[in-house]
């Protein structure tokens, strides 16, 4: 799957969660810290994970048990990022599935990776 970090997503995140840290909102501040521009909030990526689990699996009978994310490289406004997930384990005794996933940018660089475990309702 791919996602575009649009102005709407960026502004919506700030509007909802009030995180106005200058690394995310001030171009000069971010540049002075060695970044190419305002760094997008890492938790925007969590929203894309939620979309994957809640909307893209073949069933809606799921709940996230655990989620891990490691941020590897910054994401910037207007970046197109690609999400790839694969099943890494099935735990039949508790009706759970684990996924490994990563996000990469349009140059192929990994920007985040992690694991998700979901439970399946009967």
PDB file of N, CA and C in Angstrom:
ATOM      1  N   UNK A   1       0.842  -1.167   0.000  1.00  0.00           N
ATOM      2  CA  UNK A   1       0.000   0.000   0.000  1.00  0.00           C
ATOM      3  C   UNK A   1       0.889   1.232   0.000  1.00  0.00           C
ATOM      4  N   UNK A   2       0.362   2.314  -0.505  1.00  0.00           N
ATOM      5  CA  UNK A   2       1.112   3.567  -0.442  1.00  0.00           C
ATOM      6  C   UNK A   2       0.224   4.659   0.130  1.00  0.00           C
ATOM      7  N   UNK A   3       0.875   5.627   0.756  1.00  0.00           N
ATOM      8  CA  UNK A   3       0.189   6.756   1.379  1.00  0.00           C
ATOM      9  C   UNK A   3       0.958   8.027   1.052  1.00  0.00           C
ATOM     10  N   UNK A   4       0.239   9.096   0.827  1.00  0.00           N
ATOM     11  CA  UNK A   4       0.841  10.407   0.605  1.00  0.00           C
ATOM     12  C   UNK A   4       0.678  11.229   1.880  1.00  0.00           C
ATOM     13  N   UNK A   5       1.774  11.793   2.359  1.00  0.00           N
ATOM     14  CA  UNK A   5       1.705  12.656   3.541  1.00  0.00           C
ATOM     15  C   UNK A   5       1.256  14.042   3.050  1.00  0.00           C
ATOM     16  N   UNK A   6      -0.034  14.239   3.053  1.00  0.00           N
ATOM     17  CA  UNK A   6      -0.635  15.457   2.507  1.00  0.00           C
ATOM     18  C   UNK A   6      -0.755  16.549   3.566  1.00  0.00           C
ATOM     19  N   UNK A   7      -1.036  17.749   3.097  1.00  0.00           N
ATOM     20  CA  UNK A   7      -1.307  18.879   4.001  1.00  0.00           C
ATOM     21  C   UNK A   7      -2.483  18.542   4.920  1.00  0.00           C
ATOM     22  N   UNK A   8      -3.517  17.896   4.378  1.00  0.00           N
ATOM     23  CA  UNK A   8      -4.695  17.553   5.185  1.00  0.00           C
ATOM     24  C   UNK A   8      -4.334  16.620   6.331  1.00  0.00           C
ATOM     25  N   UNK A   9      -3.514  15.613   6.054  1.00  0.00           N
ATOM     26  CA  UNK A   9      -3.104  14.678   7.102  1.00  0.00           C
ATOM     27  C   UNK A   9      -2.275  15.414   8.148  1.00  0.00           C
ATOM     28  N   UNK A  10      -1.298  16.191   7.695  1.00  0.00           N
ATOM     29  CA  UNK A  10      -0.421  16.948   8.589  1.00  0.00           C
ATOM     30  C   UNK A  10      -1.224  17.915   9.455  1.00  0.00           C
ATOM     31  N   UNK A  11      -2.046  18.734   8.833  1.00  0.00           N
ATOM     32  CA  UNK A  11      -2.833  19.716   9.581  1.00  0.00           C
ATOM     33  C   UNK A  11      -3.867  19.052  10.482  1.00  0.00           C
ATOM     34  N   UNK A  12      -4.454  17.945  10.014  1.00  0.00           N
ATOM     35  CA  UNK A  12      -5.428  17.220  10.821  1.00  0.00           C
ATOM     36  C   UNK A  12      -4.799  16.660  12.091  1.00  0.00           C
ATOM     37  N   UNK A  13      -3.589  16.135  11.965  1.00  0.00           N
ATOM     38  CA  UNK A  13      -2.899  15.590  13.141  1.00  0.00           C
ATOM     39  C   UNK A  13      -2.653  16.704  14.155  1.00  0.00           C
ATOM     40  N   UNK A  14      -2.144  17.836  13.689  1.00  0.00           N
ATOM     41  CA  UNK A  14      -1.884  18.958  14.602  1.00  0.00           C
ATOM     42  C   UNK A  14      -3.185  19.453  15.233  1.00  0.00           C
ATOM     43  N   UNK A  15      -4.233  19.553  14.441  1.00  0.00           N
ATOM     44  CA  UNK A  15      -5.516  20.024  14.945  1.00  0.00           C
ATOM     45  C   UNK A  15      -6.079  19.087  16.016  1.00  0.00           C
ATOM     46  N   UNK A  16      -5.960  17.790  15.790  1.00  0.00           N
ATOM     47  CA  UNK A  16      -6.509  16.823  16.743  1.00  0.00           C
ATOM     48  C   UNK A  16      -5.679  16.675  18.007  1.00  0.00           C
ATOM     49  N   UNK A  17      -4.349  16.632  17.855  1.00  0.00           N
ATOM     50  CA  UNK A  17      -3.502  16.262  18.980  1.00  0.00           C
ATOM     51  C   UNK A  17      -2.682  17.415  19.559  1.00  0.00           C
ATOM     52  N   UNK A  18      -2.739  18.562  18.921  1.00  0.00           N
ATOM     53  CA  UNK A  18      -2.115  19.796  19.437  1.00  0.00           C
ATOM     54  C   UNK A  18      -0.597  19.705  19.604  1.00  0.00           C
ATOM     55  N   UNK A  19       0.054  18.779  18.909  1.00  0.00           N
ATOM     56  CA  UNK A  19       1.514  18.657  18.981  1.00  0.00           C
ATOM     57  C   UNK A  19       2.120  19.645  17.989  1.00  0.00           C
ATOM     58  N   UNK A  20       2.563  20.767  18.527  1.00  0.00           N
ATOM     59  CA  UNK A  20       3.135  21.830  17.700  1.00  0.00           C
ATOM     60  C   UNK A  20       4.632  21.994  17.952  1.00  0.00           C
ATOM     61  N   UNK A  21       5.282  20.907  18.330  1.00  0.00           N
ATOM     62  CA  UNK A  21       6.722  20.931  18.537  1.00  0.00           C
ATOM     63  C   UNK A  21       7.381  21.544  17.301  1.00  0.00           C
ATOM     64  N   UNK A  22       8.352  22.448  17.484  1.00  0.00           N
ATOM     65  CA  UNK A  22       8.941  23.138  16.331  1.00  0.00           C
ATOM     66  C   UNK A  22       9.636  22.208  15.331  1.00  0.00           C
ATOM     67  N   UNK A  23      10.032  21.022  15.744  1.00  0.00           N
ATOM     68  CA  UNK A  23      10.608  20.081  14.777  1.00  0.00           C
ATOM     69  C   UNK A  23       9.575  19.727  13.706  1.00  0.00           C
ATOM     70  N   UNK A  24       8.301  19.764  14.094  1.00  0.00           N
ATOM     71  CA  UNK A  24       7.214  19.422  13.173  1.00  0.00           C
ATOM     72  C   UNK A  24       6.595  20.638  12.489  1.00  0.00           C
ATOM     73  N   UNK A  25       6.806  21.833  13.035  1.00  0.00           N
ATOM     74  CA  UNK A  25       6.055  22.994  12.550  1.00  0.00           C
ATOM     75  C   UNK A  25       6.914  24.150  12.043  1.00  0.00           C
ATOM     76  N   UNK A  26       8.195  24.132  12.335  1.00  0.00           N
ATOM     77  CA  UNK A  26       9.064  25.264  12.000  1.00  0.00           C
ATOM     78  C   UNK A  26      10.210  24.791  11.099  1.00  0.00           C
ATOM     79  N   UNK A  27      10.125  25.168   9.838  1.00  0.00           N
ATOM     80  CA  UNK A  27      11.112  24.748   8.830  1.00  0.00           C
ATOM     81  C   UNK A  27      12.539  25.102   9.257  1.00  0.00           C
ATOM     82  N   UNK A  28      12.748  26.328   9.719  1.00  0.00           N
ATOM     83  CA  UNK A  28      14.092  26.764  10.108  1.00  0.00           C
ATOM     84  C   UNK A  28      14.613  25.968  11.300  1.00  0.00           C
ATOM     85  N   UNK A  29      13.753  25.722  12.263  1.00  0.00           N
ATOM     86  CA  UNK A  29      14.149  24.929  13.424  1.00  0.00           C
ATOM     87  C   UNK A  29      14.595  23.540  12.981  1.00  0.00           C
ATOM     88  N   UNK A  30      13.788  22.887  12.136  1.00  0.00           N
ATOM     89  CA  UNK A  30      14.122  21.541  11.660  1.00  0.00           C
ATOM     90  C   UNK A  30      15.427  21.557  10.863  1.00  0.00           C
ATOM     91  N   UNK A  31      15.597  22.553   9.986  1.00  0.00           N
ATOM     92  CA  UNK A  31      16.834  22.667   9.202  1.00  0.00           C
ATOM     93  C   UNK A  31      18.046  22.834  10.109  1.00  0.00           C
ATOM     94  N   UNK A  32      17.899  23.632  11.178  1.00  0.00           N
ATOM     95  CA  UNK A  32      19.018  23.876  12.085  1.00  0.00           C
ATOM     96  C   UNK A  32      19.399  22.624  12.873  1.00  0.00           C
ATOM     97  N   UNK A  33      18.517  21.624  12.896  1.00  0.00           N
ATOM     98  CA  UNK A  33      18.801  20.355  13.571  1.00  0.00           C
ATOM     99  C   UNK A  33      19.257  19.284  12.574  1.00  0.00           C
ATOM    100  N   UNK A  34      19.511  19.684  11.314  1.00  0.00           N
ATOM    101  CA  UNK A  34      20.053  18.759  10.319  1.00  0.00           C
ATOM    102  C   UNK A  34      19.032  18.056   9.452  1.00  0.00           C
ATOM    103  N   UNK A  35      17.767  18.462   9.509  1.00  0.00           N
ATOM    104  CA  UNK A  35      16.727  17.834   8.711  1.00  0.00           C
ATOM    105  C   UNK A  35      16.448  18.653   7.451  1.00  0.00           C
ATOM    106  N   UNK A  36      15.929  17.990   6.426  1.00  0.00           N
ATOM    107  CA  UNK A  36      15.667  18.640   5.141  1.00  0.00           C
ATOM    108  C   UNK A  36      14.406  19.497   5.168  1.00  0.00           C
ATOM    109  N   UNK A  37      13.633  19.406   6.198  1.00  0.00           N
ATOM    110  CA  UNK A  37      12.392  20.168   6.341  1.00  0.00           C
ATOM    111  C   UNK A  37      11.704  19.753   7.621  1.00  0.00           C
ATOM    112  N   UNK A  38      10.461  20.217   7.774  1.00  0.00           N
ATOM    113  CA  UNK A  38       9.679  19.827   8.949  1.00  0.00           C
ATOM    114  C   UNK A  38       9.510  18.307   8.957  1.00  0.00           C
ATOM    115  N   UNK A  39       9.807  17.698  10.062  1.00  0.00           N
ATOM    116  CA  UNK A  39       9.676  16.250  10.207  1.00  0.00           C
ATOM    117  C   UNK A  39       8.228  15.948  10.586  1.00  0.00           C
ATOM    118  N   UNK A  40       7.620  15.050   9.851  1.00  0.00           N
ATOM    119  CA  UNK A  40       6.236  14.694  10.157  1.00  0.00           C
ATOM    120  C   UNK A  40       6.181  13.895  11.460  1.00  0.00           C
ATOM    121  N   UNK A  41       5.078  14.022  12.162  1.00  0.00           N
ATOM    122  CA  UNK A  41       4.860  13.296  13.413  1.00  0.00           C
ATOM    123  C   UNK A  41       4.903  11.797  13.134  1.00  0.00           C
ATOM    124  N   UNK A  42       5.690  11.084  13.905  1.00  0.00           N
ATOM    125  CA  UNK A  42       5.790   9.641  13.711  1.00  0.00           C
ATOM    126  C   UNK A  42       4.467   8.922  13.874  1.00  0.00           C
ATOM    127  N   UNK A  43       3.612   9.441  14.728  1.00  0.00           N
ATOM    128  CA  UNK A  43       2.350   8.755  14.969  1.00  0.00           C
ATOM    129  C   UNK A  43       1.369   8.866  13.811  1.00  0.00           C
ATOM    130  N   UNK A  44       1.670   9.654  12.816  1.00  0.00           N
ATOM    131  CA  UNK A  44       0.873   9.612  11.585  1.00  0.00           C
ATOM    132  C   UNK A  44       0.978   8.213  10.986  1.00  0.00           C
ATOM    133  N   UNK A  45       2.162   7.613  11.068  1.00  0.00           N
ATOM    134  CA  UNK A  45       2.346   6.258  10.540  1.00  0.00           C
ATOM    135  C   UNK A  45       1.475   5.257  11.293  1.00  0.00           C
ATOM    136  N   UNK A  46       1.292   5.484  12.598  1.00  0.00           N
ATOM    137  CA  UNK A  46       0.401   4.597  13.361  1.00  0.00           C
ATOM    138  C   UNK A  46      -1.020   4.635  12.821  1.00  0.00           C
ATOM    139  N   UNK A  47      -1.439   5.777  12.324  1.00  0.00           N
ATOM    140  CA  UNK A  47      -2.760   5.876  11.712  1.00  0.00           C
ATOM    141  C   UNK A  47      -2.881   4.993  10.483  1.00  0.00           C
ATOM    142  N   UNK A  48      -1.816   4.923   9.697  1.00  0.00           N
ATOM    143  CA  UNK A  48      -1.824   4.057   8.517  1.00  0.00           C
ATOM    144  C   UNK A  48      -1.855   2.580   8.920  1.00  0.00           C
ATOM    145  N   UNK A  49      -1.187   2.245  10.016  1.00  0.00           N
ATOM    146  CA  UNK A  49      -1.232   0.868  10.526  1.00  0.00           C
ATOM    147  C   UNK A  49      -2.658   0.532  10.968  1.00  0.00           C
ATOM    148  N   UNK A  50      -3.292   1.461  11.663  1.00  0.00           N
ATOM    149  CA  UNK A  50      -4.673   1.257  12.089  1.00  0.00           C
ATOM    150  C   UNK A  50      -5.582   1.020  10.887  1.00  0.00           C
ATOM    151  N   UNK A  51      -5.379   1.791   9.841  1.00  0.00           N
ATOM    152  CA  UNK A  51      -6.157   1.618   8.606  1.00  0.00           C
ATOM    153  C   UNK A  51      -5.939   0.216   8.036  1.00  0.00           C
ATOM    154  N   UNK A  52      -4.693  -0.221   7.993  1.00  0.00           N
ATOM    155  CA  UNK A  52      -4.384  -1.555   7.461  1.00  0.00           C
ATOM    156  C   UNK A  52      -5.119  -2.639   8.250  1.00  0.00           C
ATOM    157  N   UNK A  53      -5.015  -2.594   9.572  1.00  0.00           N
ATOM    158  CA  UNK A  53      -5.648  -3.621  10.411  1.00  0.00           C
ATOM    159  C   UNK A  53      -7.169  -3.515  10.346  1.00  0.00           C
ATOM    160  N   UNK A  54      -7.699  -2.316  10.452  1.00  0.00           N
ATOM    161  CA  UNK A  54      -9.148  -2.137  10.539  1.00  0.00           C
ATOM    162  C   UNK A  54      -9.890  -2.232   9.224  1.00  0.00           C
ATOM    163  N   UNK A  55      -9.215  -1.937   8.112  1.00  0.00           N
ATOM    164  CA  UNK A  55      -9.926  -1.835   6.839  1.00  0.00           C
ATOM    165  C   UNK A  55      -9.431  -2.753   5.723  1.00  0.00           C
ATOM    166  N   UNK A  56      -8.214  -3.247   5.823  1.00  0.00           N
ATOM    167  CA  UNK A  56      -7.641  -3.972   4.678  1.00  0.00           C
ATOM    168  C   UNK A  56      -7.576  -5.488   4.847  1.00  0.00           C
ATOM    169  N   UNK A  57      -7.736  -5.975   6.044  1.00  0.00           N
ATOM    170  CA  UNK A  57      -7.734  -7.422   6.252  1.00  0.00           C
ATOM    171  C   UNK A  57      -9.083  -7.987   5.805  1.00  0.00           C
ATOM    172  N   UNK A  58      -9.128  -9.275   5.504  1.00  0.00           N
ATOM    173  CA  UNK A  58     -10.375  -9.851   4.975  1.00  0.00           C
ATOM    174  C   UNK A  58     -11.483 -10.020   6.015  1.00  0.00           C
ATOM    175  N   UNK A  59     -11.244  -9.630   7.259  1.00  0.00           N
ATOM    176  CA  UNK A  59     -12.269  -9.700   8.296  1.00  0.00           C
ATOM    177  C   UNK A  59     -12.203  -8.444   9.163  1.00  0.00           C
ATOM    178  N   UNK A  60     -13.313  -8.102   9.743  1.00  0.00           N
ATOM    179  CA  UNK A  60     -13.368  -6.979  10.693  1.00  0.00           C
ATOM    180  C   UNK A  60     -13.329  -7.480  12.130  1.00  0.00           C
ATOM    181  N   UNK A  61     -13.262  -8.786  12.328  1.00  0.00           N
ATOM    182  CA  UNK A  61     -13.264  -9.398  13.654  1.00  0.00           C
ATOM    183  C   UNK A  61     -11.851  -9.441  14.229  1.00  0.00           C
ATOM    184  N   UNK A  62     -11.225  -8.277  14.362  1.00  0.00           N
ATOM    185  CA  UNK A  62      -9.840  -8.199  14.832  1.00  0.00           C
ATOM    186  C   UNK A  62      -9.682  -7.074  15.845  1.00  0.00           C
ATOM    187  N   UNK A  63      -8.653  -7.216  16.659  1.00  0.00           N
ATOM    188  CA  UNK A  63      -8.276  -6.178  17.603  1.00  0.00           C
ATOM    189  C   UNK A  63      -6.753  -6.202  17.728  1.00  0.00           C
ATOM    190  N   UNK A  64      -6.136  -5.050  17.847  1.00  0.00           N
ATOM    191  CA  UNK A  64      -4.689  -5.001  18.021  1.00  0.00           C
ATOM    192  C   UNK A  64      -4.362  -5.333  19.478  1.00  0.00           C
ATOM    193  N   UNK A  65      -3.507  -6.324  19.673  1.00  0.00           N
ATOM    194  CA  UNK A  65      -3.008  -6.674  21.010  1.00  0.00           C
ATOM    195  C   UNK A  65      -1.772  -5.857  21.350  1.00  0.00           C
ATOM    196  N   UNK A  66      -0.790  -5.880  20.457  1.00  0.00           N
ATOM    197  CA  UNK A  66       0.451  -5.149  20.676  1.00  0.00           C
ATOM    198  C   UNK A  66       0.918  -4.551  19.355  1.00  0.00           C
ATOM    199  N   UNK A  67       1.669  -3.488  19.498  1.00  0.00           N
ATOM    200  CA  UNK A  67       2.218  -2.817  18.313  1.00  0.00           C
ATOM    201  C   UNK A  67       3.576  -2.236  18.683  1.00  0.00           C
ATOM    202  N   UNK A  68       4.533  -2.441  17.804  1.00  0.00           N
ATOM    203  CA  UNK A  68       5.882  -1.912  18.002  1.00  0.00           C
ATOM    204  C   UNK A  68       6.269  -1.158  16.739  1.00  0.00           C
ATOM    205  N   UNK A  69       6.877   0.010  16.927  1.00  0.00           N
ATOM    206  CA  UNK A  69       7.359   0.766  15.776  1.00  0.00           C
ATOM    207  C   UNK A  69       8.721   1.357  16.111  1.00  0.00           C
ATOM    208  N   UNK A  70       9.623   1.239  15.168  1.00  0.00           N
ATOM    209  CA  UNK A  70      10.956   1.830  15.284  1.00  0.00           C
ATOM    210  C   UNK A  70      11.096   2.832  14.142  1.00  0.00           C
ATOM    211  N   UNK A  71      11.361   4.072  14.486  1.00  0.00           N
ATOM    212  CA  UNK A  71      11.534   5.112  13.485  1.00  0.00           C
ATOM    213  C   UNK A  71      12.997   5.139  13.063  1.00  0.00           C
ATOM    214  N   UNK A  72      13.241   4.982  11.773  1.00  0.00           N
ATOM    215  CA  UNK A  72      14.606   4.868  11.258  1.00  0.00           C
ATOM    216  C   UNK A  72      15.083   6.121  10.526  1.00  0.00           C
ATOM    217  N   UNK A  73      14.182   6.785   9.824  1.00  0.00           N
ATOM    218  CA  UNK A  73      14.514   7.980   9.043  1.00  0.00           C
ATOM    219  C   UNK A  73      13.314   8.907   9.037  1.00  0.00           C
ATOM    220  N   UNK A  74      13.547  10.196   8.846  1.00  0.00           N
ATOM    221  CA  UNK A  74      12.428  11.146   8.878  1.00  0.00           C
ATOM    222  C   UNK A  74      11.508  11.010   7.664  1.00  0.00           C
ATOM    223  N   UNK A  75      10.281  11.413   7.895  1.00  0.00           N
ATOM    224  CA  UNK A  75       9.279  11.522   6.840  1.00  0.00           C
ATOM    225  C   UNK A  75       8.921  12.999   6.733  1.00  0.00           C
ATOM    226  N   UNK A  76       8.788  13.473   5.504  1.00  0.00           N
ATOM    227  CA  UNK A  76       8.526  14.893   5.260  1.00  0.00           C
ATOM    228  C   UNK A  76       7.170  15.081   4.568  1.00  0.00           C
ATOM    229  N   UNK A  77       6.662  16.294   4.675  1.00  0.00           N
ATOM    230  CA  UNK A  77       5.423  16.661   3.999  1.00  0.00           C
ATOM    231  C   UNK A  77       5.547  16.364   2.511  1.00  0.00           C
ATOM    232  N   UNK A  78       4.513  15.809   1.938  1.00  0.00           N
ATOM    233  CA  UNK A  78       4.401  15.441   0.523  1.00  0.00           C
ATOM    234  C   UNK A  78       5.186  14.189   0.153  1.00  0.00           C
ATOM    235  N   UNK A  79       5.804  13.517   1.142  1.00  0.00           N
ATOM    236  CA  UNK A  79       6.439  12.231   0.857  1.00  0.00           C
ATOM    237  C   UNK A  79       5.363  11.205   0.535  1.00  0.00           C
ATOM    238  N   UNK A  80       5.670  10.339  -0.416  1.00  0.00           N
ATOM    239  CA  UNK A  80       4.845   9.164  -0.660  1.00  0.00           C
ATOM    240  C   UNK A  80       5.572   8.019   0.025  1.00  0.00           C
ATOM    241  N   UNK A  81       4.870   7.342   0.924  1.00  0.00           N
ATOM    242  CA  UNK A  81       5.500   6.237   1.632  1.00  0.00           C
ATOM    243  C   UNK A  81       4.758   4.943   1.302  1.00  0.00           C
ATOM    244  N   UNK A  82       5.512   3.874   1.331  1.00  0.00           N
ATOM    245  CA  UNK A  82       5.004   2.570   0.960  1.00  0.00           C
ATOM    246  C   UNK A  82       5.023   1.665   2.186  1.00  0.00           C
ATOM    247  N   UNK A  83       3.909   0.980   2.401  1.00  0.00           N
ATOM    248  CA  UNK A  83       3.733   0.097   3.554  1.00  0.00           C
ATOM    249  C   UNK A  83       3.707  -1.334   3.064  1.00  0.00           C
ATOM    250  N   UNK A  84       4.487  -2.183   3.719  1.00  0.00           N
ATOM    251  CA  UNK A  84       4.520  -3.601   3.372  1.00  0.00           C
ATOM    252  C   UNK A  84       4.443  -4.398   4.662  1.00  0.00           C
ATOM    253  N   UNK A  85       3.516  -5.343   4.733  1.00  0.00           N
ATOM    254  CA  UNK A  85       3.357  -6.183   5.918  1.00  0.00           C
ATOM    255  C   UNK A  85       3.270  -7.641   5.489  1.00  0.00           C
ATOM    256  N   UNK A  86       3.803  -8.514   6.326  1.00  0.00           N
ATOM    257  CA  UNK A  86       3.697  -9.949   6.064  1.00  0.00           C
ATOM    258  C   UNK A  86       3.474 -10.675   7.386  1.00  0.00           C
ATOM    259  N   UNK A  87       2.764 -11.777   7.307  1.00  0.00           N
ATOM    260  CA  UNK A  87       2.506 -12.593   8.497  1.00  0.00           C
ATOM    261  C   UNK A  87       3.823 -13.226   8.929  1.00  0.00           C
ATOM    262  N   UNK A  88       4.170 -13.046  10.200  1.00  0.00           N
ATOM    263  CA  UNK A  88       5.406 -13.630  10.719  1.00  0.00           C
ATOM    264  C   UNK A  88       5.141 -14.776  11.686  1.00  0.00           C
ATOM    265  N   UNK A  89       3.917 -14.868  12.213  1.00  0.00           N
ATOM    266  CA  UNK A  89       3.595 -15.953  13.132  1.00  0.00           C
ATOM    267  C   UNK A  89       2.079 -16.056  13.273  1.00  0.00           C
ATOM    268  N   UNK A  90       1.611 -17.268  13.465  1.00  0.00           N
ATOM    269  CA  UNK A  90       0.214 -17.538  13.782  1.00  0.00           C
ATOM    270  C   UNK A  90       0.209 -18.298  15.101  1.00  0.00           C
ATOM    271  N   UNK A  91      -0.518 -17.762  16.072  1.00  0.00           N
ATOM    272  CA  UNK A  91      -0.573 -18.354  17.407  1.00  0.00           C
ATOM    273  C   UNK A  91      -1.997 -18.876  17.603  1.00  0.00           C
ATOM    274  N   UNK A  92      -2.203 -20.106  17.179  1.00  0.00           N
ATOM    275  CA  UNK A  92      -3.551 -20.679  17.162  1.00  0.00           C
ATOM    276  C   UNK A  92      -4.161 -20.791  18.550  1.00  0.00           C
ATOM    277  N   UNK A  93      -3.339 -21.045  19.578  1.00  0.00           N
ATOM    278  CA  UNK A  93      -3.865 -21.251  20.934  1.00  0.00           C
ATOM    279  C   UNK A  93      -4.615 -20.034  21.464  1.00  0.00           C
ATOM    280  N   UNK A  94      -4.272 -18.856  20.983  1.00  0.00           N
ATOM    281  CA  UNK A  94      -4.957 -17.634  21.437  1.00  0.00           C
ATOM    282  C   UNK A  94      -5.578 -16.859  20.277  1.00  0.00           C
ATOM    283  N   UNK A  95      -5.707 -17.516  19.136  1.00  0.00           N
ATOM    284  CA  UNK A  95      -6.321 -16.884  17.946  1.00  0.00           C
ATOM    285  C   UNK A  95      -5.646 -15.569  17.589  1.00  0.00           C
ATOM    286  N   UNK A  96      -4.330 -15.584  17.488  1.00  0.00           N
ATOM    287  CA  UNK A  96      -3.588 -14.352  17.210  1.00  0.00           C
ATOM    288  C   UNK A  96      -2.706 -14.517  15.970  1.00  0.00           C
ATOM    289  N   UNK A  97      -2.450 -13.406  15.339  1.00  0.00           N
ATOM    290  CA  UNK A  97      -1.569 -13.353  14.168  1.00  0.00           C
ATOM    291  C   UNK A  97      -0.586 -12.215  14.385  1.00  0.00           C
ATOM    292  N   UNK A  98       0.678 -12.475  14.084  1.00  0.00           N
ATOM    293  CA  UNK A  98       1.696 -11.429  14.144  1.00  0.00           C
ATOM    294  C   UNK A  98       2.110 -11.057  12.731  1.00  0.00           C
ATOM    295  N   UNK A  99       2.305  -9.767  12.549  1.00  0.00           N
ATOM    296  CA  UNK A  99       2.806  -9.228  11.287  1.00  0.00           C
ATOM    297  C   UNK A  99       4.127  -8.512  11.551  1.00  0.00           C
ATOM    298  N   UNK A 100       5.053  -8.615  10.617  1.00  0.00           N
ATOM    299  CA  UNK A 100       6.201  -7.717  10.546  1.00  0.00           C
ATOM    300  C   UNK A 100       5.860  -6.725   9.447  1.00  0.00           C
ATOM    301  N   UNK A 101       6.278  -5.477   9.622  1.00  0.00           N
ATOM    302  CA  UNK A 101       5.977  -4.476   8.603  1.00  0.00           C
ATOM    303  C   UNK A 101       7.117  -3.482   8.494  1.00  0.00           C
ATOM    304  N   UNK A 102       7.094  -2.760   7.380  1.00  0.00           N
ATOM    305  CA  UNK A 102       7.998  -1.620   7.226  1.00  0.00           C
ATOM    306  C   UNK A 102       7.347  -0.581   6.345  1.00  0.00           C
ATOM    307  N   UNK A 103       7.777   0.650   6.551  1.00  0.00           N
ATOM    308  CA  UNK A 103       7.441   1.763   5.683  1.00  0.00           C
ATOM    309  C   UNK A 103       8.734   2.176   4.993  1.00  0.00           C
ATOM    310  N   UNK A 104       8.667   2.441   3.704  1.00  0.00           N
ATOM    311  CA  UNK A 104       9.828   2.985   3.004  1.00  0.00           C
ATOM    312  C   UNK A 104       9.377   4.213   2.223  1.00  0.00           C
ATOM    313  N   UNK A 105      10.328   5.106   1.967  1.00  0.00           N
ATOM    314  CA  UNK A 105       9.987   6.296   1.186  1.00  0.00           C
ATOM    315  C   UNK A 105      10.181   6.005  -0.302  1.00  0.00           C
ATOM    316  N   UNK A 106       9.948   7.006  -1.129  1.00  0.00           N
ATOM    317  CA  UNK A 106       9.998   6.779  -2.570  1.00  0.00           C
ATOM    318  C   UNK A 106      11.418   6.529  -3.097  1.00  0.00           C
ATOM    319  N   UNK A 107      12.436   6.713  -2.271  1.00  0.00           N
ATOM    320  CA  UNK A 107      13.797   6.363  -2.687  1.00  0.00           C
ATOM    321  C   UNK A 107      14.164   4.953  -2.216  1.00  0.00           C
ATOM    322  N   UNK A 108      13.248   4.284  -1.530  1.00  0.00           N
ATOM    323  CA  UNK A 108      13.480   2.932  -1.054  1.00  0.00           C
ATOM    324  C   UNK A 108      14.052   2.843   0.343  1.00  0.00           C
ATOM    325  N   UNK A 109      14.312   3.983   0.960  1.00  0.00           N
ATOM    326  CA  UNK A 109      14.885   3.997   2.316  1.00  0.00           C
ATOM    327  C   UNK A 109      13.798   3.645   3.333  1.00  0.00           C
ATOM    328  N   UNK A 110      14.118   2.739   4.251  1.00  0.00           N
ATOM    329  CA  UNK A 110      13.183   2.372   5.323  1.00  0.00           C
ATOM    330  C   UNK A 110      13.068   3.545   6.290  1.00  0.00           C
ATOM    331  N   UNK A 111      11.835   3.998   6.526  1.00  0.00           N
ATOM    332  CA  UNK A 111      11.617   5.101   7.469  1.00  0.00           C
ATOM    333  C   UNK A 111      11.093   4.600   8.812  1.00  0.00           C
ATOM    334  N   UNK A 112      10.470   3.421   8.823  1.00  0.00           N
ATOM    335  CA  UNK A 112       9.992   2.828  10.075  1.00  0.00           C
ATOM    336  C   UNK A 112       9.751   1.345   9.838  1.00  0.00           C
ATOM    337  N   UNK A 113       9.848   0.583  10.943  1.00  0.00           N
ATOM    338  CA  UNK A 113       9.541  -0.844  10.857  1.00  0.00           C
ATOM    339  C   UNK A 113       9.062  -1.313  12.219  1.00  0.00           C
ATOM    340  N   UNK A 114       8.446  -2.477  12.239  1.00  0.00           N
ATOM    341  CA  UNK A 114       7.982  -2.986  13.509  1.00  0.00           C
ATOM    342  C   UNK A 114       7.193  -4.262  13.391  1.00  0.00           C
ATOM    343  N   UNK A 115       6.429  -4.543  14.457  1.00  0.00           N
ATOM    344  CA  UNK A 115       5.601  -5.738  14.553  1.00  0.00           C
ATOM    345  C   UNK A 115       4.235  -5.349  15.098  1.00  0.00           C
ATOM    346  N   UNK A 116       3.246  -6.105  14.707  1.00  0.00           N
ATOM    347  CA  UNK A 116       1.881  -5.943  15.220  1.00  0.00           C
ATOM    348  C   UNK A 116       1.357  -7.337  15.539  1.00  0.00           C
ATOM    349  N   UNK A 117       0.699  -7.468  16.678  1.00  0.00           N
ATOM    350  CA  UNK A 117      -0.025  -8.710  16.944  1.00  0.00           C
ATOM    351  C   UNK A 117      -1.490  -8.379  17.066  1.00  0.00           C
ATOM    352  N   UNK A 118      -2.305  -9.112  16.341  1.00  0.00           N
ATOM    353  CA  UNK A 118      -3.750  -8.903  16.404  1.00  0.00           C
ATOM    354  C   UNK A 118      -4.427 -10.172  16.934  1.00  0.00           C
ATOM    355  N   UNK A 119      -5.544  -9.953  17.568  1.00  0.00           N
ATOM    356  CA  UNK A 119      -6.389 -11.059  17.994  1.00  0.00           C
ATOM    357  C   UNK A 119      -7.564 -11.171  17.046  1.00  0.00           C
ATOM    358  N   UNK A 120      -7.998 -12.402  16.855  1.00  0.00           N
ATOM    359  CA  UNK A 120      -9.141 -12.673  15.976  1.00  0.00           C
ATOM    360  C   UNK A 120     -10.323 -13.084  16.853  1.00  0.00           C
ATOM    361  N   UNK A 121     -11.465 -12.414  16.687  1.00  0.00           N
ATOM    362  CA  UNK A 121     -12.680 -12.800  17.409  1.00  0.00           C
ATOM    363  C   UNK A 121     -13.307 -13.996  16.720  1.00  0.00           C
ATOM    364  N   UNK A 122     -13.949 -14.833  17.496  1.00  0.00           N
ATOM    365  CA  UNK A 122     -14.642 -16.007  16.916  1.00  0.00           C
ATOM    366  C   UNK A 122     -15.881 -15.576  16.182  1.00  0.00           C
TER     367      UNK A 122
END
